[in-house]
Amino acid sequence: MSFNNRIKVTSLVIIITIIISSLIFIQLPFESELGKELQNTGHIVASGILAIIFLRLIKQLATKQRRKTLILYFSALVAAMLCGVLVELVQIYTDRDADINDVYRNIIGIVSFLVIYASFDGNFTFFNSIHCLLRKRIVFFISGVLILFIGAIPLINIIIAYWQRHNAFPVIIDFDSKWSSKFYYLNNATIEVGEKGDMSKSRLYTTGLIFRKGEYSGINIFETVENWSSRSFLAFDVFLESSAPLVIYLRIHDKQHNNEVTDRFNLKEALRQGDNTIRISLSDIQHGPLYRELDMASVDGLVLFVKDVKTERKILLSNITLE
């Protein structure tokens, strides 16, 4: 091996080591759903780049007699996939969370980048006819881009959800809209989106919320539209069918919240049978924390829940809005 080839091989090995180390140890400080999807999409790109570098490295190490293009590409694909699996296994023993979905993303990145790279590779023996050369290259390129697009769909969906949420303001959560599902999760509860009910003609209830038996049960709405300072009230309607009393709790916090109960707004509301309107002054929310004011320009989350549920209970909810 010539000196120049040794330099190339060493450089490629160093780059591979850097990429693998980054995938294992570097956790970008993203807390938002958009940030998480950007990091997931970065997994796809990093895996694709890793596959191309493996291909270049294998080409440098292969003898001329063994430089069959399909074998080289297959070797690069296997090497990159094995590295992807190894990264997830190593993360089990670090402070990073291993995720089987990352293996799927790795495959998307590896296959798409290799296919796109092959469409520009003059030595790729699959293009063995001048007559079909351009056509096959175009098919390969489009196929690679489509595979990459499939991997980017979650990122595209979350970007659309953010845009729709922005346009829906002052609605905080619209249970009938798909974007809302990106910004809440359930804790020991079940949601029935589109549950209108026949019990009230005076209010529009869009969702049935079922609280299951347990110490806590509810819905956590996160990454709300941050700036509430231009509004005066938070409002929503609740319908309780049962005559048995039900006490619900509402907590609202900002980005500075320290997870202490005294560092947020807390509301305890006893529901009566039938229609219940919850309408809270944002001034009261602002002065909810005991030792400071809640930052109404950086509201971060809202949790609606019940405690000590002995039997399954159900309420109907309207959309949650600012007024």
Protein backbone atom coordinates (compact mmCIF):
# COMPACT_ATOMS: atom_id res chain seq x y z
CA MET A 1 0.00 0.00 0.00
CA SER A 2 1.40 3.37 -1.02
CA PHE A 3 1.98 6.19 1.45
CA ASN A 4 -0.92 8.20 -0.03
CA ASN A 5 -3.27 5.24 0.34
CA ARG A 6 -2.19 4.81 3.96
CA ILE A 7 -3.01 8.45 4.61
CA LYS A 8 -6.45 8.00 3.01
CA VAL A 9 -7.17 4.83 4.98
CA THR A 10 -6.07 6.43 8.26
CA SER A 11 -8.20 9.50 7.59
CA LEU A 12 -11.26 7.38 6.80
CA VAL A 13 -10.78 5.28 9.95
CA ILE A 14 -10.52 8.46 12.06
CA ILE A 15 -13.72 9.85 10.52
CA ILE A 16 -15.54 6.56 11.15
CA THR A 17 -14.37 6.59 14.78
CA ILE A 18 -15.57 10.18 15.25
CA ILE A 19 -19.02 9.44 13.79
CA ILE A 20 -19.50 6.29 15.88
CA SER A 21 -18.32 8.05 19.05
CA SER A 22 -20.71 10.94 18.36
CA LEU A 23 -23.65 8.59 17.92
CA ILE A 24 -22.82 6.83 21.18
CA PHE A 25 -21.94 9.69 23.50
CA ILE A 26 -23.28 12.99 22.17
CA GLN A 27 -26.80 13.91 23.27
CA LEU A 28 -27.87 17.22 21.80
CA PRO A 29 -29.73 19.47 24.31
CA PHE A 30 -33.09 19.22 22.54
CA GLU A 31 -36.17 19.02 24.75
CA SER A 32 -38.85 20.01 22.25
CA GLU A 33 -40.59 17.55 19.96
CA LEU A 34 -39.08 19.35 16.97
CA GLY A 35 -35.61 19.08 18.48
CA LYS A 36 -36.05 15.37 19.11
CA GLU A 37 -37.12 14.76 15.51
CA LEU A 38 -34.19 16.82 14.24
CA GLN A 39 -31.87 14.57 16.24
CA ASN A 40 -33.62 11.47 14.92
CA THR A 41 -33.23 12.72 11.36
CA GLY A 42 -29.58 13.45 12.16
CA HIS A 43 -29.26 9.73 12.95
CA ILE A 44 -30.34 8.99 9.39
CA VAL A 45 -27.83 11.41 7.90
CA ALA A 46 -24.95 10.28 10.14
CA SER A 47 -25.61 6.61 9.30
CA GLY A 48 -25.71 7.41 5.60
CA ILE A 49 -22.41 9.29 5.75
CA LEU A 50 -20.91 6.40 7.74
CA ALA A 51 -21.96 3.95 5.01
CA ILE A 52 -20.31 6.06 2.29
CA ILE A 53 -17.09 6.33 4.29
CA PHE A 54 -17.09 2.56 4.86
CA LEU A 55 -17.51 2.12 1.10
CA ARG A 56 -14.55 4.41 0.40
CA LEU A 57 -12.47 2.60 3.00
CA ILE A 58 -13.30 -0.86 1.63
CA LYS A 59 -12.44 0.32 -1.87
CA GLN A 60 -9.05 1.50 -0.61
CA LEU A 61 -8.35 -1.79 1.14
CA ALA A 62 -9.63 -4.12 -1.61
CA THR A 63 -7.19 -5.47 -4.19
CA LYS A 64 -7.92 -4.81 -7.83
CA GLN A 65 -8.93 -8.45 -8.28
CA ARG A 66 -11.55 -8.12 -5.52
CA ARG A 67 -13.04 -4.79 -6.48
CA LYS A 68 -16.39 -6.13 -7.64
CA THR A 69 -18.69 -3.19 -7.12
CA LEU A 70 -21.73 -5.02 -5.82
CA ILE A 71 -19.60 -6.83 -3.25
CA LEU A 72 -18.04 -3.55 -2.15
CA TYR A 73 -21.44 -1.92 -1.70
CA PHE A 74 -22.82 -4.95 0.14
CA SER A 75 -19.78 -4.97 2.44
CA ALA A 76 -20.25 -1.28 3.22
CA LEU A 77 -23.95 -1.84 3.93
CA VAL A 78 -23.23 -4.72 6.33
CA ALA A 79 -20.40 -2.85 8.07
CA ALA A 80 -22.52 0.27 8.60
CA MET A 81 -25.50 -1.75 9.86
CA LEU A 82 -23.32 -3.68 12.31
CA CYS A 83 -21.96 -0.38 13.61
CA GLY A 84 -25.51 0.91 14.03
CA VAL A 85 -26.49 -2.13 16.10
CA LEU A 86 -23.25 -1.84 18.10
CA VAL A 87 -24.00 1.81 18.88
CA GLU A 88 -27.43 0.91 20.31
CA LEU A 89 -25.96 -1.95 22.38
CA VAL A 90 -23.26 0.31 23.84
CA GLN A 91 -25.84 2.99 24.68
CA ILE A 92 -27.49 0.52 27.06
CA TYR A 93 -24.47 0.97 29.34
CA THR A 94 -24.28 4.77 29.01
CA ASP A 95 -26.61 7.58 30.05
CA ARG A 96 -28.09 7.50 26.54
CA ASP A 97 -31.28 5.57 25.86
CA ALA A 98 -31.01 2.69 23.39
CA ASP A 99 -33.88 2.83 20.90
CA ILE A 100 -34.85 0.11 18.45
CA ASN A 101 -36.26 2.86 16.22
CA ASP A 102 -32.71 4.17 15.80
CA VAL A 103 -31.84 0.87 14.09
CA TYR A 104 -34.68 1.51 11.65
CA ARG A 105 -33.39 5.04 11.06
CA ASN A 106 -29.88 3.71 10.53
CA ILE A 107 -31.14 1.33 7.85
CA ILE A 108 -33.02 4.17 6.12
CA GLY A 109 -29.89 6.35 6.10
CA ILE A 110 -27.51 3.59 5.01
CA VAL A 111 -29.64 2.29 2.15
CA SER A 112 -30.69 5.71 0.85
CA PHE A 113 -27.17 7.18 0.85
CA LEU A 114 -25.64 4.11 -0.80
CA VAL A 115 -28.32 4.06 -3.49
CA ILE A 116 -27.90 7.79 -4.19
CA TYR A 117 -24.10 7.41 -4.19
CA ALA A 118 -24.38 4.48 -6.62
CA SER A 119 -26.31 6.63 -9.08
CA PHE A 120 -23.19 8.82 -9.44
CA ASP A 121 -20.61 6.00 -9.25
CA GLY A 122 -19.10 5.41 -12.67
CA ASN A 123 -17.67 2.07 -11.51
CA PHE A 124 -20.99 0.64 -10.37
CA THR A 125 -21.21 -2.46 -12.55
CA PHE A 126 -24.99 -2.60 -12.48
CA PHE A 127 -24.87 0.13 -15.11
CA ASN A 128 -23.38 -2.19 -17.71
CA SER A 129 -25.06 -0.85 -20.81
CA ILE A 130 -24.70 2.54 -22.39
CA HIS A 131 -28.29 2.24 -23.60
CA CYS A 132 -29.77 1.99 -20.12
CA LEU A 133 -27.05 3.87 -18.25
CA LEU A 134 -28.83 7.19 -17.76
CA ARG A 135 -32.21 5.59 -17.12
CA LYS A 136 -30.87 3.31 -14.40
CA ARG A 137 -28.96 6.14 -12.75
CA ILE A 138 -32.10 8.26 -12.65
CA VAL A 139 -34.11 5.36 -11.19
CA PHE A 140 -31.42 4.77 -8.55
CA PHE A 141 -31.26 8.44 -7.61
CA ILE A 142 -35.04 8.82 -7.34
CA SER A 143 -35.28 5.59 -5.31
CA GLY A 144 -32.62 6.81 -2.88
CA VAL A 145 -34.35 10.17 -2.45
CA LEU A 146 -37.71 8.46 -1.85
CA ILE A 147 -36.20 6.20 0.82
CA LEU A 148 -34.64 9.27 2.46
CA PHE A 149 -38.00 11.06 2.26
CA ILE A 150 -39.71 8.15 4.08
CA GLY A 151 -37.20 8.53 6.89
CA ALA A 152 -37.89 12.28 7.07
CA ILE A 153 -41.69 11.92 7.29
CA PRO A 154 -41.80 12.16 11.13
CA LEU A 155 -39.81 15.42 10.96
CA ILE A 156 -42.08 16.79 8.24
CA ASN A 157 -45.17 15.83 10.28
CA ILE A 158 -43.95 17.58 13.43
CA ILE A 159 -43.06 20.75 11.47
CA ILE A 160 -46.60 20.76 10.03
CA ALA A 161 -48.03 20.20 13.54
CA TYR A 162 -46.12 23.21 14.90
CA TRP A 163 -47.39 25.36 12.04
CA GLN A 164 -51.00 24.22 12.55
CA ARG A 165 -50.74 24.81 16.29
CA HIS A 166 -49.43 28.32 15.66
CA ASN A 167 -52.34 29.07 13.32
CA ALA A 168 -54.88 27.67 15.80
CA PHE A 169 -53.93 30.13 18.57
CA PRO A 170 -55.60 31.09 20.93
CA VAL A 171 -56.71 27.46 21.02
CA ILE A 172 -54.28 25.60 23.31
CA ILE A 173 -55.47 22.13 22.37
CA ASP A 174 -57.97 21.11 19.69
CA PHE A 175 -58.74 17.44 20.21
CA ASP A 176 -60.42 17.15 16.80
CA SER A 177 -57.22 18.18 15.01
CA LYS A 178 -54.35 15.81 14.25
CA TRP A 179 -51.72 18.35 15.34
CA SER A 180 -52.92 18.17 18.94
CA SER A 181 -51.89 14.52 19.30
CA LYS A 182 -48.25 15.61 18.96
CA PHE A 183 -48.51 17.74 22.09
CA TYR A 184 -50.11 15.61 24.78
CA TYR A 185 -49.72 12.23 26.41
CA LEU A 186 -51.99 10.24 28.70
CA ASN A 187 -51.17 9.02 32.19
CA ASN A 188 -53.30 5.99 33.13
CA ALA A 189 -56.15 7.40 31.05
CA THR A 190 -57.92 6.83 27.73
CA ILE A 191 -59.08 9.45 25.29
CA GLU A 192 -61.98 9.19 22.87
CA VAL A 193 -61.42 11.89 20.27
CA GLY A 194 -64.60 12.92 18.49
CA GLU A 195 -66.83 11.91 21.40
CA LYS A 196 -69.62 14.49 21.18
CA GLY A 197 -72.14 12.91 23.47
CA ASP A 198 -75.92 13.40 23.53
CA MET A 199 -76.02 14.79 27.04
CA SER A 200 -75.68 18.50 26.43
CA LYS A 201 -77.04 20.68 23.65
CA SER A 202 -75.58 23.91 24.99
CA ARG A 203 -71.86 23.12 24.76
CA LEU A 204 -69.55 21.58 22.18
CA TYR A 205 -67.63 18.68 23.66
CA THR A 206 -65.03 17.20 21.36
CA THR A 207 -63.42 14.54 23.53
CA GLY A 208 -64.20 11.88 26.06
CA LEU A 209 -61.55 11.46 28.75
CA ILE A 210 -61.67 8.24 30.77
CA PHE A 211 -59.80 8.14 34.07
CA ARG A 212 -58.68 4.64 35.01
CA LYS A 213 -58.32 3.24 38.50
CA GLY A 214 -55.12 4.28 40.21
CA GLU A 215 -53.37 6.91 42.30
CA TYR A 216 -53.23 9.40 39.40
CA SER A 217 -54.95 9.55 36.03
CA GLY A 218 -55.01 12.37 33.51
CA ILE A 219 -53.70 14.16 30.44
CA ASN A 220 -50.43 16.08 30.16
CA ILE A 221 -50.41 18.85 27.54
CA PHE A 222 -46.85 19.97 26.86
CA GLU A 223 -45.17 22.60 24.70
CA THR A 224 -48.21 24.82 24.76
CA VAL A 225 -48.02 28.03 22.75
CA GLU A 226 -45.64 29.89 25.03
CA ASN A 227 -46.83 33.45 25.12
CA TRP A 228 -50.14 33.85 26.97
CA SER A 229 -49.46 37.43 28.03
CA SER A 230 -51.79 39.00 25.45
CA ARG A 231 -54.84 37.11 26.79
CA SER A 232 -56.93 37.36 29.95
CA PHE A 233 -58.51 33.97 30.64
CA LEU A 234 -58.01 30.23 30.17
CA ALA A 235 -61.32 28.50 29.50
CA PHE A 236 -62.80 25.08 28.78
CA ASP A 237 -65.99 23.15 29.50
CA VAL A 238 -66.36 19.81 31.23
CA PHE A 239 -69.43 17.56 31.25
CA LEU A 240 -69.91 15.03 34.04
CA GLU A 241 -72.63 12.47 33.37
CA SER A 242 -72.48 10.67 36.69
CA SER A 243 -74.17 12.00 39.80
CA ALA A 244 -71.20 10.82 41.89
CA PRO A 245 -68.90 13.76 42.73
CA LEU A 246 -65.58 14.09 40.95
CA VAL A 247 -62.73 16.41 41.90
CA ILE A 248 -60.33 17.37 39.10
CA TYR A 249 -56.95 19.05 39.45
CA LEU A 250 -55.27 21.45 37.04
CA ARG A 251 -51.64 22.48 37.13
CA ILE A 252 -49.89 24.96 34.84
CA HIS A 253 -46.15 25.61 34.76
CA ASP A 254 -43.61 27.63 32.81
CA LYS A 255 -40.14 26.74 31.54
CA GLN A 256 -38.53 27.79 34.83
CA HIS A 257 -40.58 25.28 36.82
CA ASN A 258 -38.50 23.34 39.37
CA ASN A 259 -41.06 20.50 39.77
CA GLU A 260 -42.06 21.70 43.23
CA VAL A 261 -45.79 22.00 43.87
CA THR A 262 -45.27 25.56 45.19
CA ASP A 263 -43.59 26.63 41.93
CA ARG A 264 -46.65 26.44 39.66
CA PHE A 265 -50.33 27.30 39.42
CA ASN A 266 -52.61 24.67 41.01
CA LEU A 267 -56.38 24.42 40.87
CA LYS A 268 -58.75 21.99 42.59
CA GLU A 269 -62.26 21.94 41.15
CA ALA A 270 -65.26 19.87 42.29
CA LEU A 271 -67.37 18.94 39.27
CA ARG A 272 -71.14 18.75 39.51
CA GLN A 273 -73.31 16.57 37.32
CA GLY A 274 -73.88 18.17 33.92
CA ASP A 275 -72.11 21.18 32.40
CA ASN A 276 -69.15 22.77 34.17
CA THR A 277 -67.31 25.82 32.88
CA ILE A 278 -63.71 26.27 33.97
CA ARG A 279 -62.63 29.88 33.39
CA ILE A 280 -59.46 31.05 35.09
CA SER A 281 -57.98 34.52 35.12
CA LEU A 282 -54.45 34.52 33.71
CA SER A 283 -53.56 36.93 36.48
CA ASP A 284 -54.39 34.20 38.99
CA ILE A 285 -52.24 31.77 37.00
CA GLN A 286 -49.40 34.30 36.94
CA HIS A 287 -49.50 34.60 40.72
CA GLY A 288 -49.87 30.86 41.25
CA PRO A 289 -46.29 30.09 42.34
CA LEU A 290 -45.61 30.85 45.99
CA TYR A 291 -42.24 32.60 45.69
CA ARG A 292 -42.31 34.18 42.24
CA GLU A 293 -44.57 35.04 39.34
CA LEU A 294 -45.19 32.50 36.61
CA ASP A 295 -43.72 33.74 33.32
CA MET A 296 -46.75 34.16 31.05
CA ALA A 297 -44.47 34.55 28.03
CA SER A 298 -42.97 31.08 28.48
CA VAL A 299 -45.80 28.81 29.60
CA ASP A 300 -44.67 25.25 29.02
CA GLY A 301 -47.35 22.81 30.11
CA LEU A 302 -50.78 22.07 31.47
CA VAL A 303 -51.87 18.91 33.30
CA LEU A 304 -55.48 17.90 33.99
CA PHE A 305 -55.80 14.93 36.34
CA VAL A 306 -57.67 13.22 39.17
CA LYS A 307 -56.37 11.46 42.27
CA ASP A 308 -57.13 8.14 43.95
CA VAL A 309 -59.51 6.83 41.32
CA LYS A 310 -61.41 3.86 42.79
CA THR A 311 -63.61 3.15 39.78
CA GLU A 312 -63.27 4.20 36.16
CA ARG A 313 -64.70 7.70 35.57
CA LYS A 314 -65.44 9.61 32.39
CA ILE A 315 -65.83 13.26 31.50
CA LEU A 316 -66.42 15.09 28.24
CA LEU A 317 -64.07 17.94 27.37
CA SER A 318 -64.28 20.91 25.06
CA ASN A 319 -61.22 22.38 23.42
CA ILE A 320 -58.99 24.36 25.78
CA THR A 321 -58.62 27.98 24.71
CA LEU A 322 -57.38 31.38 25.79
CA GLU A 323 -59.70 34.37 25.82
